[in-house]
Full PDB file with SEQRES, HELIX, SHEET, SSBOND, CRYST1, ORIGX, SCALE, CONECT and MASTER records, all heavy atoms in Angstrom:
SEQRES   1 A   39  LEU SER HIS HIS LEU ASN ILE ASP LYS GLU ALA ALA LYS          
SEQRES   2 A   39  LYS ILE ALA GLN GLU VAL ASN ASP GLN LEU PHE SER LYS          
SEQRES   3 A   39  VAL ARG HIS SER LEU LYS LYS ILE TYR HIS LEU GLU GLU          
HELIX    1 AA1 SER A    2  LEU A    5  1                                   4    
HELIX    2 AA2 LYS A    9  GLN A   22  1                                  14    
HELIX    3 AA3 PHE A   24  VAL A   27  5                                   4    
HELIX    4 AA4 ARG A   28  ILE A   34  1                                   7    
CRYST1    1.000    1.000    1.000  90.00  90.00  90.00 P 1           1          
ORIGX1      1.000000  0.000000  0.000000        0.00000                         
ORIGX2      0.000000  1.000000  0.000000        0.00000                         
ORIGX3      0.000000  0.000000  1.000000        0.00000                         
SCALE1      1.000000  0.000000  0.000000        0.00000                         
SCALE2      0.000000  1.000000  0.000000        0.00000                         
SCALE3      0.000000  0.000000  1.000000        0.00000                         
ATOM      1  N   LEU A   1      61.972 139.187  15.926  1.00  0.00           N  
ATOM      2  CA  LEU A   1      60.979 139.724  15.039  1.00  0.00           C  
ATOM      3  C   LEU A   1      60.561 141.160  15.495  1.00  0.00           C  
ATOM      4  O   LEU A   1      60.519 142.089  14.710  1.00  0.00           O  
ATOM      5  CB  LEU A   1      59.734 138.881  14.988  1.00  0.00           C  
ATOM      6  CG  LEU A   1      59.800 137.561  14.225  1.00  0.00           C  
ATOM      7  CD1 LEU A   1      58.465 136.829  14.303  1.00  0.00           C  
ATOM      8  CD2 LEU A   1      60.226 137.792  12.794  1.00  0.00           C  
ATOM      9  N   SER A   2      60.337 141.279  16.783  1.00  0.00           N  
ATOM     10  CA  SER A   2      59.922 142.589  17.333  1.00  0.00           C  
ATOM     11  C   SER A   2      61.020 143.632  17.034  1.00  0.00           C  
ATOM     12  O   SER A   2      60.694 144.758  16.591  1.00  0.00           O  
ATOM     13  CB  SER A   2      59.687 142.446  18.841  1.00  0.00           C  
ATOM     14  OG  SER A   2      59.324 143.686  19.384  1.00  0.00           O  
ATOM     15  N   HIS A   3      62.270 143.248  17.259  1.00  0.00           N  
ATOM     16  CA  HIS A   3      63.380 144.217  17.072  1.00  0.00           C  
ATOM     17  C   HIS A   3      63.624 144.494  15.585  1.00  0.00           C  
ATOM     18  O   HIS A   3      63.635 145.678  15.211  1.00  0.00           O  
ATOM     19  CB  HIS A   3      64.642 143.659  17.727  1.00  0.00           C  
ATOM     20  CG  HIS A   3      65.818 144.502  17.522  1.00  0.00           C  
ATOM     21  ND1 HIS A   3      66.002 145.710  18.138  1.00  0.00           N  
ATOM     22  CD2 HIS A   3      66.933 144.344  16.698  1.00  0.00           C  
ATOM     23  CE1 HIS A   3      67.160 146.253  17.755  1.00  0.00           C  
ATOM     24  NE2 HIS A   3      67.720 145.422  16.871  1.00  0.00           N  
ATOM     25  N   HIS A   4      63.808 143.453  14.762  1.00  0.00           N  
ATOM     26  CA  HIS A   4      64.188 143.677  13.408  1.00  0.00           C  
ATOM     27  C   HIS A   4      63.070 144.213  12.503  1.00  0.00           C  
ATOM     28  O   HIS A   4      63.319 144.887  11.472  1.00  0.00           O  
ATOM     29  CB  HIS A   4      64.807 142.413  12.780  1.00  0.00           C  
ATOM     30  CG  HIS A   4      66.109 142.048  13.376  1.00  0.00           C  
ATOM     31  ND1 HIS A   4      66.369 140.849  14.000  1.00  0.00           N  
ATOM     32  CD2 HIS A   4      67.242 142.783  13.560  1.00  0.00           C  
ATOM     33  CE1 HIS A   4      67.573 140.834  14.480  1.00  0.00           C  
ATOM     34  NE2 HIS A   4      68.141 141.979  14.199  1.00  0.00           N  
ATOM     35  N   LEU A   5      61.825 143.869  12.844  1.00  0.00           N  
ATOM     36  CA  LEU A   5      60.697 144.364  12.065  1.00  0.00           C  
ATOM     37  C   LEU A   5      60.168 145.677  12.618  1.00  0.00           C  
ATOM     38  O   LEU A   5      59.285 146.293  12.010  1.00  0.00           O  
ATOM     39  CB  LEU A   5      59.573 143.364  11.998  1.00  0.00           C  
ATOM     40  CG  LEU A   5      59.874 141.987  11.480  1.00  0.00           C  
ATOM     41  CD1 LEU A   5      58.665 141.085  11.474  1.00  0.00           C  
ATOM     42  CD2 LEU A   5      60.488 142.022  10.095  1.00  0.00           C  
ATOM     43  N   ASN A   6      60.696 146.080  13.779  1.00  0.00           N  
ATOM     44  CA  ASN A   6      60.282 147.309  14.447  1.00  0.00           C  
ATOM     45  C   ASN A   6      58.778 147.294  14.672  1.00  0.00           C  
ATOM     46  O   ASN A   6      58.056 148.213  14.293  1.00  0.00           O  
ATOM     47  CB  ASN A   6      60.701 148.537  13.623  1.00  0.00           C  
ATOM     48  CG  ASN A   6      60.644 149.790  14.473  1.00  0.00           C  
ATOM     49  OD1 ASN A   6      60.763 149.724  15.716  1.00  0.00           O  
ATOM     50  ND2 ASN A   6      60.490 150.944  13.820  1.00  0.00           N  
ATOM     51  N   ILE A   7      58.319 146.230  15.294  1.00  0.00           N  
ATOM     52  CA  ILE A   7      56.881 146.047  15.641  1.00  0.00           C  
ATOM     53  C   ILE A   7      56.776 145.724  17.146  1.00  0.00           C  
ATOM     54  O   ILE A   7      57.762 145.326  17.741  1.00  0.00           O  
ATOM     55  CB  ILE A   7      56.235 144.940  14.791  1.00  0.00           C  
ATOM     56  CG1 ILE A   7      56.927 143.602  14.973  1.00  0.00           C  
ATOM     57  CG2 ILE A   7      56.163 145.361  13.312  1.00  0.00           C  
ATOM     58  CD1 ILE A   7      56.262 142.465  14.222  1.00  0.00           C  
ATOM     59  N   ASP A   8      55.570 145.911  17.678  1.00  0.00           N  
ATOM     60  CA  ASP A   8      55.411 145.561  19.100  1.00  0.00           C  
ATOM     61  C   ASP A   8      55.386 144.011  19.270  1.00  0.00           C  
ATOM     62  O   ASP A   8      55.260 143.265  18.318  1.00  0.00           O  
ATOM     63  CB  ASP A   8      54.155 146.219  19.678  1.00  0.00           C  
ATOM     64  CG  ASP A   8      52.831 145.705  19.054  1.00  0.00           C  
ATOM     65  OD1 ASP A   8      52.847 144.725  18.345  1.00  0.00           O  
ATOM     66  OD2 ASP A   8      51.814 146.367  19.283  1.00  0.00           O  
ATOM     67  N   LYS A   9      55.514 143.607  20.536  1.00  0.00           N  
ATOM     68  CA  LYS A   9      55.586 142.205  20.870  1.00  0.00           C  
ATOM     69  C   LYS A   9      54.356 141.442  20.465  1.00  0.00           C  
ATOM     70  O   LYS A   9      54.385 140.269  20.089  1.00  0.00           O  
ATOM     71  CB  LYS A   9      55.893 142.005  22.347  1.00  0.00           C  
ATOM     72  CG  LYS A   9      57.266 141.544  22.588  1.00  0.00           C  
ATOM     73  CD  LYS A   9      57.452 141.088  24.001  1.00  0.00           C  
ATOM     74  CE  LYS A   9      58.840 140.423  24.062  1.00  0.00           C  
ATOM     75  NZ  LYS A   9      59.284 140.140  25.346  1.00  0.00           N  
ATOM     76  N   GLU A  10      53.155 142.093  20.608  1.00  0.00           N  
ATOM     77  CA  GLU A  10      51.894 141.374  20.271  1.00  0.00           C  
ATOM     78  C   GLU A  10      51.864 141.038  18.787  1.00  0.00           C  
ATOM     79  O   GLU A  10      51.465 139.949  18.415  1.00  0.00           O  
ATOM     80  CB  GLU A  10      50.705 142.265  20.658  1.00  0.00           C  
ATOM     81  CG  GLU A  10      50.470 142.380  22.137  1.00  0.00           C  
ATOM     82  CD  GLU A  10      50.349 141.053  22.830  1.00  0.00           C  
ATOM     83  OE1 GLU A  10      49.548 140.209  22.382  1.00  0.00           O  
ATOM     84  OE2 GLU A  10      51.001 140.851  23.877  1.00  0.00           O  
ATOM     85  N   ALA A  11      52.287 141.980  17.957  1.00  0.00           N  
ATOM     86  CA  ALA A  11      52.315 141.729  16.493  1.00  0.00           C  
ATOM     87  C   ALA A  11      53.357 140.632  16.175  1.00  0.00           C  
ATOM     88  O   ALA A  11      53.090 139.784  15.324  1.00  0.00           O  
ATOM     89  CB  ALA A  11      52.596 143.016  15.742  1.00  0.00           C  
ATOM     90  N   ALA A  12      54.454 140.682  16.857  1.00  0.00           N  
ATOM     91  CA  ALA A  12      55.548 139.673  16.661  1.00  0.00           C  
ATOM     92  C   ALA A  12      55.025 138.293  17.082  1.00  0.00           C  
ATOM     93  O   ALA A  12      55.315 137.263  16.411  1.00  0.00           O  
ATOM     94  CB  ALA A  12      56.803 140.020  17.463  1.00  0.00           C  
ATOM     95  N   LYS A  13      54.240 138.210  18.147  1.00  0.00           N  
ATOM     96  CA  LYS A  13      53.725 136.923  18.610  1.00  0.00           C  
ATOM     97  C   LYS A  13      52.730 136.351  17.607  1.00  0.00           C  
ATOM     98  O   LYS A  13      52.760 135.151  17.287  1.00  0.00           O  
ATOM     99  CB  LYS A  13      52.977 137.102  19.945  1.00  0.00           C  
ATOM    100  CG  LYS A  13      53.869 137.386  21.136  1.00  0.00           C  
ATOM    101  CD  LYS A  13      53.025 137.634  22.378  1.00  0.00           C  
ATOM    102  CE  LYS A  13      53.895 138.197  23.460  1.00  0.00           C  
ATOM    103  NZ  LYS A  13      53.064 138.481  24.650  1.00  0.00           N  
ATOM    104  N   LYS A  14      51.886 137.213  17.065  1.00  0.00           N  
ATOM    105  CA  LYS A  14      50.914 136.775  16.021  1.00  0.00           C  
ATOM    106  C   LYS A  14      51.644 136.266  14.796  1.00  0.00           C  
ATOM    107  O   LYS A  14      51.280 135.189  14.252  1.00  0.00           O  
ATOM    108  CB  LYS A  14      50.001 137.988  15.663  1.00  0.00           C  
ATOM    109  CG  LYS A  14      48.915 137.625  14.666  1.00  0.00           C  
ATOM    110  CD  LYS A  14      48.042 138.852  14.405  1.00  0.00           C  
ATOM    111  CE  LYS A  14      46.941 138.534  13.407  1.00  0.00           C  
ATOM    112  NZ  LYS A  14      47.358 138.747  12.060  1.00  0.00           N  
ATOM    113  N   ILE A  15      52.622 136.948  14.337  1.00  0.00           N  
ATOM    114  CA  ILE A  15      53.408 136.550  13.200  1.00  0.00           C  
ATOM    115  C   ILE A  15      54.137 135.236  13.476  1.00  0.00           C  
ATOM    116  O   ILE A  15      54.118 134.294  12.615  1.00  0.00           O  
ATOM    117  CB  ILE A  15      54.391 137.640  12.721  1.00  0.00           C  
ATOM    118  CG1 ILE A  15      53.631 138.822  12.201  1.00  0.00           C  
ATOM    119  CG2 ILE A  15      55.390 137.109  11.715  1.00  0.00           C  
ATOM    120  CD1 ILE A  15      54.463 140.080  11.960  1.00  0.00           C  
ATOM    121  N   ALA A  16      54.749 135.139  14.672  1.00  0.00           N  
ATOM    122  CA  ALA A  16      55.436 133.899  15.019  1.00  0.00           C  
ATOM    123  C   ALA A  16      54.469 132.672  15.031  1.00  0.00           C  
ATOM    124  O   ALA A  16      54.864 131.613  14.566  1.00  0.00           O  
ATOM    125  CB  ALA A  16      56.080 134.049  16.406  1.00  0.00           C  
ATOM    126  N   GLN A  17      53.271 132.882  15.522  1.00  0.00           N  
ATOM    127  CA  GLN A  17      52.296 131.808  15.496  1.00  0.00           C  
ATOM    128  C   GLN A  17      51.977 131.364  14.117  1.00  0.00           C  
ATOM    129  O   GLN A  17      51.892 130.186  13.795  1.00  0.00           O  
ATOM    130  CB  GLN A  17      51.003 132.245  16.256  1.00  0.00           C  
ATOM    131  CG  GLN A  17      49.970 131.174  16.376  1.00  0.00           C  
ATOM    132  CD  GLN A  17      50.436 129.985  17.226  1.00  0.00           C  
ATOM    133  OE1 GLN A  17      50.877 130.178  18.324  1.00  0.00           O  
ATOM    134  NE2 GLN A  17      50.311 128.808  16.692  1.00  0.00           N  
ATOM    135  N   GLU A  18      51.764 132.331  13.204  1.00  0.00           N  
ATOM    136  CA  GLU A  18      51.476 131.990  11.811  1.00  0.00           C  
ATOM    137  C   GLU A  18      52.596 131.281  11.107  1.00  0.00           C  
ATOM    138  O   GLU A  18      52.422 130.274  10.447  1.00  0.00           O  
ATOM    139  CB  GLU A  18      51.112 133.278  11.021  1.00  0.00           C  
ATOM    140  CG  GLU A  18      49.810 133.906  11.418  1.00  0.00           C  
ATOM    141  CD  GLU A  18      49.469 135.170  10.644  1.00  0.00           C  
ATOM    142  OE1 GLU A  18      49.832 135.229   9.420  1.00  0.00           O  
ATOM    143  OE2 GLU A  18      48.934 136.134  11.249  1.00  0.00           O  
ATOM    144  N   VAL A  19      53.846 131.748  11.374  1.00  0.00           N  
ATOM    145  CA  VAL A  19      55.021 131.110  10.811  1.00  0.00           C  
ATOM    146  C   VAL A  19      55.139 129.663  11.321  1.00  0.00           C  
ATOM    147  O   VAL A  19      55.411 128.720  10.600  1.00  0.00           O  
ATOM    148  CB  VAL A  19      56.312 131.911  11.099  1.00  0.00           C  
ATOM    149  CG1 VAL A  19      57.548 131.108  10.764  1.00  0.00           C  
ATOM    150  CG2 VAL A  19      56.291 133.232  10.366  1.00  0.00           C  
ATOM    151  N   ASN A  20      54.887 129.524  12.615  1.00  0.00           N  
ATOM    152  CA  ASN A  20      54.958 128.180  13.224  1.00  0.00           C  
ATOM    153  C   ASN A  20      53.935 127.260  12.592  1.00  0.00           C  
ATOM    154  O   ASN A  20      54.246 126.141  12.222  1.00  0.00           O  
ATOM    155  CB  ASN A  20      54.732 128.304  14.752  1.00  0.00           C  
ATOM    156  CG  ASN A  20      54.941 126.944  15.409  1.00  0.00           C  
ATOM    157  OD1 ASN A  20      55.958 126.307  15.253  1.00  0.00           O  
ATOM    158  ND2 ASN A  20      53.905 126.535  16.109  1.00  0.00           N  
ATOM    159  N   ASP A  21      52.705 127.734  12.447  1.00  0.00           N  
ATOM    160  CA  ASP A  21      51.645 126.876  11.925  1.00  0.00           C  
ATOM    161  C   ASP A  21      51.825 126.559  10.446  1.00  0.00           C  
ATOM    162  O   ASP A  21      51.511 125.454  10.009  1.00  0.00           O  
ATOM    163  CB  ASP A  21      50.281 127.622  12.100  1.00  0.00           C  
ATOM    164  CG  ASP A  21      49.847 127.693  13.544  1.00  0.00           C  
ATOM    165  OD1 ASP A  21      50.455 126.994  14.423  1.00  0.00           O  
ATOM    166  OD2 ASP A  21      48.977 128.518  13.842  1.00  0.00           O  
ATOM    167  N   GLN A  22      52.330 127.538   9.670  1.00  0.00           N  
ATOM    168  CA  GLN A  22      52.391 127.361   8.208  1.00  0.00           C  
ATOM    169  C   GLN A  22      53.728 126.895   7.651  1.00  0.00           C  
ATOM    170  O   GLN A  22      53.800 126.312   6.570  1.00  0.00           O  
ATOM    171  CB  GLN A  22      51.980 128.667   7.551  1.00  0.00           C  
ATOM    172  CG  GLN A  22      50.537 129.040   7.856  1.00  0.00           C  
ATOM    173  CD  GLN A  22      50.129 130.337   7.235  1.00  0.00           C  
ATOM    174  OE1 GLN A  22      50.584 130.651   6.109  1.00  0.00           O  
ATOM    175  NE2 GLN A  22      49.301 131.092   7.923  1.00  0.00           N  
ATOM    176  N   LEU A  23      54.822 127.147   8.415  1.00  0.00           N  
ATOM    177  CA  LEU A  23      56.119 126.710   7.918  1.00  0.00           C  
ATOM    178  C   LEU A  23      56.862 125.733   8.787  1.00  0.00           C  
ATOM    179  O   LEU A  23      57.269 124.676   8.357  1.00  0.00           O  
ATOM    180  CB  LEU A  23      57.047 127.978   7.748  1.00  0.00           C  
ATOM    181  CG  LEU A  23      56.683 128.911   6.566  1.00  0.00           C  
ATOM    182  CD1 LEU A  23      57.546 130.151   6.563  1.00  0.00           C  
ATOM    183  CD2 LEU A  23      56.763 128.218   5.254  1.00  0.00           C  
ATOM    184  N   PHE A  24      57.091 126.135  10.071  1.00  0.00           N  
ATOM    185  CA  PHE A  24      57.856 125.280  10.946  1.00  0.00           C  
ATOM    186  C   PHE A  24      57.201 123.948  11.203  1.00  0.00           C  
ATOM    187  O   PHE A  24      57.880 122.974  11.428  1.00  0.00           O  
ATOM    188  CB  PHE A  24      58.115 125.992  12.283  1.00  0.00           C  
ATOM    189  CG  PHE A  24      59.058 127.198  12.161  1.00  0.00           C  
ATOM    190  CD1 PHE A  24      59.007 128.197  13.121  1.00  0.00           C  
ATOM    191  CD2 PHE A  24      59.932 127.356  11.116  1.00  0.00           C  
ATOM    192  CE1 PHE A  24      59.843 129.309  13.027  1.00  0.00           C  
ATOM    193  CE2 PHE A  24      60.758 128.445  10.991  1.00  0.00           C  
ATOM    194  CZ  PHE A  24      60.712 129.428  11.990  1.00  0.00           C  
ATOM    195  N   SER A  25      55.872 123.902  11.191  1.00  0.00           N  
ATOM    196  CA  SER A  25      55.204 122.632  11.453  1.00  0.00           C  
ATOM    197  C   SER A  25      55.530 121.590  10.409  1.00  0.00           C  
ATOM    198  O   SER A  25      55.554 120.405  10.702  1.00  0.00           O  
ATOM    199  CB  SER A  25      53.684 122.850  11.525  1.00  0.00           C  
ATOM    200  OG  SER A  25      53.206 123.308  10.288  1.00  0.00           O  
ATOM    201  N   LYS A  26      55.815 122.008   9.183  1.00  0.00           N  
ATOM    202  CA  LYS A  26      56.144 121.087   8.107  1.00  0.00           C  
ATOM    203  C   LYS A  26      57.532 120.420   8.274  1.00  0.00           C  
ATOM    204  O   LYS A  26      57.797 119.356   7.678  1.00  0.00           O  
ATOM    205  CB  LYS A  26      56.083 121.773   6.778  1.00  0.00           C  
ATOM    206  CG  LYS A  26      54.658 122.224   6.429  1.00  0.00           C  
ATOM    207  CD  LYS A  26      54.612 123.005   5.150  1.00  0.00           C  
ATOM    208  CE  LYS A  26      53.213 123.493   4.885  1.00  0.00           C  
ATOM    209  NZ  LYS A  26      53.133 124.321   3.674  1.00  0.00           N  
ATOM    210  N   VAL A  27      58.429 121.106   8.999  1.00  0.00           N  
ATOM    211  CA  VAL A  27      59.784 120.574   9.168  1.00  0.00           C  
ATOM    212  C   VAL A  27      60.148 120.392  10.643  1.00  0.00           C  
ATOM    213  O   VAL A  27      61.295 120.441  11.031  1.00  0.00           O  
ATOM    214  CB  VAL A  27      60.831 121.503   8.498  1.00  0.00           C  
ATOM    215  CG1 VAL A  27      60.713 121.429   6.952  1.00  0.00           C  
ATOM    216  CG2 VAL A  27      60.693 122.925   8.980  1.00  0.00           C  
ATOM    217  N   ARG A  28      59.126 120.214  11.444  1.00  0.00           N  
ATOM    218  CA  ARG A  28      59.271 120.144  12.918  1.00  0.00           C  
ATOM    219  C   ARG A  28      60.297 119.059  13.336  1.00  0.00           C  
ATOM    220  O   ARG A  28      61.134 119.275  14.186  1.00  0.00           O  
ATOM    221  CB  ARG A  28      57.911 119.873  13.592  1.00  0.00           C  
ATOM    222  CG  ARG A  28      57.956 119.976  15.071  1.00  0.00           C  
ATOM    223  CD  ARG A  28      56.588 119.871  15.708  1.00  0.00           C  
ATOM    224  NE  ARG A  28      55.574 120.693  15.076  1.00  0.00           N  
ATOM    225  CZ  ARG A  28      55.391 121.988  15.232  1.00  0.00           C  
ATOM    226  NH1 ARG A  28      56.173 122.654  15.996  1.00  0.00           N  
ATOM    227  NH2 ARG A  28      54.428 122.618  14.610  1.00  0.00           N  
ATOM    228  N   HIS A  29      60.207 117.902  12.720  1.00  0.00           N  
ATOM    229  CA  HIS A  29      61.054 116.775  13.120  1.00  0.00           C  
ATOM    230  C   HIS A  29      62.574 117.156  12.900  1.00  0.00           C  
ATOM    231  O   HIS A  29      63.376 116.889  13.792  1.00  0.00           O  
ATOM    232  CB  HIS A  29      60.721 115.538  12.294  1.00  0.00           C  
ATOM    233  CG  HIS A  29      61.517 114.322  12.663  1.00  0.00           C  
ATOM    234  ND1 HIS A  29      61.366 113.712  13.867  1.00  0.00           N  
ATOM    235  CD2 HIS A  29      62.514 113.665  12.015  1.00  0.00           C  
ATOM    236  CE1 HIS A  29      62.189 112.677  13.906  1.00  0.00           C  
ATOM    237  NE2 HIS A  29      62.909 112.625  12.801  1.00  0.00           N  
ATOM    238  N   SER A  30      62.854 117.735  11.751  1.00  0.00           N  
ATOM    239  CA  SER A  30      64.255 118.172  11.472  1.00  0.00           C  
ATOM    240  C   SER A  30      64.703 119.339  12.390  1.00  0.00           C  
ATOM    241  O   SER A  30      65.843 119.356  12.824  1.00  0.00           O  
ATOM    242  CB  SER A  30      64.391 118.592  10.024  1.00  0.00           C  
ATOM    243  OG  SER A  30      64.164 117.456   9.198  1.00  0.00           O  
ATOM    244  N   LEU A  31      63.759 120.235  12.693  1.00  0.00           N  
ATOM    245  CA  LEU A  31      64.127 121.321  13.604  1.00  0.00           C  
ATOM    246  C   LEU A  31      64.474 120.764  15.006  1.00  0.00           C  
ATOM    247  O   LEU A  31      65.399 121.271  15.678  1.00  0.00           O  
ATOM    248  CB  LEU A  31      62.984 122.335  13.665  1.00  0.00           C  
ATOM    249  CG  LEU A  31      62.802 123.212  12.445  1.00  0.00           C  
ATOM    250  CD1 LEU A  31      61.530 124.023  12.538  1.00  0.00           C  
ATOM    251  CD2 LEU A  31      64.003 124.141  12.285  1.00  0.00           C  
ATOM    252  N   LYS A  32      63.764 119.737  15.408  1.00  0.00           N  
ATOM    253  CA  LYS A  32      64.033 119.134  16.726  1.00  0.00           C  
ATOM    254  C   LYS A  32      65.417 118.565  16.720  1.00  0.00           C  
ATOM    255  O   LYS A  32      66.139 118.697  17.740  1.00  0.00           O  
ATOM    256  CB  LYS A  32      63.047 117.999  17.013  1.00  0.00           C  
ATOM    257  CG  LYS A  32      61.667 118.435  17.399  1.00  0.00           C  
ATOM    258  CD  LYS A  32      60.804 117.233  17.619  1.00  0.00           C  
ATOM    259  CE  LYS A  32      59.370 117.559  17.853  1.00  0.00           C  
ATOM    260  NZ  LYS A  32      58.498 116.391  18.036  1.00  0.00           N  
ATOM    261  N   LYS A  33      65.828 117.932  15.599  1.00  0.00           N  
ATOM    262  CA  LYS A  33      67.149 117.365  15.510  1.00  0.00           C  
ATOM    263  C   LYS A  33      68.238 118.419  15.587  1.00  0.00           C  
ATOM    264  O   LYS A  33      69.210 118.229  16.335  1.00  0.00           O  
ATOM    265  CB  LYS A  33      67.307 116.577  14.207  1.00  0.00           C  
ATOM    266  CG  LYS A  33      66.627 115.213  14.223  1.00  0.00           C  
ATOM    267  CD  LYS A  33      66.907 114.541  12.858  1.00  0.00           C  
ATOM    268  CE  LYS A  33      66.165 113.224  12.818  1.00  0.00           C  
ATOM    269  NZ  LYS A  33      66.409 112.561  11.504  1.00  0.00           N  
ATOM    270  N   ILE A  34      68.097 119.521  14.839  1.00  0.00           N  
ATOM    271  CA  ILE A  34      69.190 120.462  14.814  1.00  0.00           C  
ATOM    272  C   ILE A  34      69.273 121.229  16.108  1.00  0.00           C  
ATOM    273  O   ILE A  34      70.375 121.745  16.456  1.00  0.00           O  
ATOM    274  CB  ILE A  34      69.151 121.401  13.604  1.00  0.00           C  
ATOM    275  CG1 ILE A  34      67.929 122.299  13.639  1.00  0.00           C  
ATOM    276  CG2 ILE A  34      69.241 120.655  12.308  1.00  0.00           C  
ATOM    277  CD1 ILE A  34      67.919 123.429  12.568  1.00  0.00           C  
ATOM    278  N   TYR A  35      68.197 121.324  16.850  1.00  0.00           N  
ATOM    279  CA  TYR A  35      68.235 122.003  18.171  1.00  0.00           C  
ATOM    280  C   TYR A  35      68.366 121.039  19.325  1.00  0.00           C  
ATOM    281  O   TYR A  35      68.298 121.474  20.455  1.00  0.00           O  
ATOM    282  CB  TYR A  35      67.011 122.891  18.352  1.00  0.00           C  
ATOM    283  CG  TYR A  35      67.084 124.154  17.435  1.00  0.00           C  
ATOM    284  CD1 TYR A  35      66.315 124.241  16.297  1.00  0.00           C  
ATOM    285  CD2 TYR A  35      67.987 125.169  17.731  1.00  0.00           C  
ATOM    286  CE1 TYR A  35      66.410 125.325  15.476  1.00  0.00           C  
ATOM    287  CE2 TYR A  35      68.087 126.263  16.903  1.00  0.00           C  
ATOM    288  CZ  TYR A  35      67.258 126.350  15.764  1.00  0.00           C  
ATOM    289  OH  TYR A  35      67.386 127.436  14.930  1.00  0.00           O  
ATOM    290  N   HIS A  36      68.554 119.779  19.017  1.00  0.00           N  
ATOM    291  CA  HIS A  36      68.757 118.731  20.015  1.00  0.00           C  
ATOM    292  C   HIS A  36      67.628 118.737  21.044  1.00  0.00           C  
ATOM    293  O   HIS A  36      67.882 118.650  22.252  1.00  0.00           O  
ATOM    294  CB  HIS A  36      70.080 118.843  20.695  1.00  0.00           C  
ATOM    295  CG  HIS A  36      71.217 118.924  19.683  1.00  0.00           C  
ATOM    296  ND1 HIS A  36      71.611 117.843  18.952  1.00  0.00           N  
ATOM    297  CD2 HIS A  36      72.032 119.950  19.300  1.00  0.00           C  
ATOM    298  CE1 HIS A  36      72.596 118.227  18.129  1.00  0.00           C  
ATOM    299  NE2 HIS A  36      72.857 119.473  18.355  1.00  0.00           N  
ATOM    300  N   LEU A  37      66.413 118.894  20.600  1.00  0.00           N  
ATOM    301  CA  LEU A  37      65.284 118.893  21.477  1.00  0.00           C  
ATOM    302  C   LEU A  37      64.794 117.466  21.666  1.00  0.00           C  
ATOM    303  O   LEU A  37      64.917 116.645  20.777  1.00  0.00           O  
ATOM    304  CB  LEU A  37      64.120 119.713  20.918  1.00  0.00           C  
ATOM    305  CG  LEU A  37      64.430 121.175  20.714  1.00  0.00           C  
ATOM    306  CD1 LEU A  37      63.280 121.879  20.021  1.00  0.00           C  
ATOM    307  CD2 LEU A  37      64.667 121.855  22.076  1.00  0.00           C  
ATOM    308  N   GLU A  38      64.273 117.159  22.849  1.00  0.00           N  
ATOM    309  CA  GLU A  38      63.789 115.817  23.108  1.00  0.00           C  
ATOM    310  C   GLU A  38      62.646 115.524  22.166  1.00  0.00           C  
ATOM    311  O   GLU A  38      61.915 116.389  21.742  1.00  0.00           O  
ATOM    312  CB  GLU A  38      63.289 115.740  24.540  1.00  0.00           C  
ATOM    313  CG  GLU A  38      64.351 115.866  25.609  1.00  0.00           C  
ATOM    314  CD  GLU A  38      63.748 115.830  27.003  1.00  0.00           C  
ATOM    315  OE1 GLU A  38      62.661 115.310  27.176  1.00  0.00           O  
ATOM    316  OE2 GLU A  38      64.447 116.308  27.903  1.00  0.00           O  
ATOM    317  N   GLU A  39      62.467 114.242  21.899  1.00  0.00           N  
ATOM    318  CA  GLU A  39      61.406 113.816  20.976  1.00  0.00           C  
ATOM    319  C   GLU A  39      60.029 114.215  21.441  1.00  0.00           C  
ATOM    320  O   GLU A  39      59.147 114.497  20.651  1.00  0.00           O  
ATOM    321  CB  GLU A  39      61.553 112.352  20.747  1.00  0.00           C  
ATOM    322  CG  GLU A  39      61.119 111.810  19.421  1.00  0.00           C  
ATOM    323  CD  GLU A  39      61.601 112.599  18.222  1.00  0.00           C  
ATOM    324  OE1 GLU A  39      62.811 112.895  18.119  1.00  0.00           O  
ATOM    325  OE2 GLU A  39      60.780 112.866  17.339  1.00  0.00           O  
TER     326      GLU A  39                                                      
MASTER        0    0    0    4    0    0    0    6  325    1    0    3          
END                                                                             
């Protein structure tokens, strides 16, 4: 995010947190499966 959006790391962290809370949290179980993360 920092590189492709040409923003500083703090802004990228804030955006990542929002994406995680609003999008990734809804599909967390499936994301765990595709990344082979422990339950």
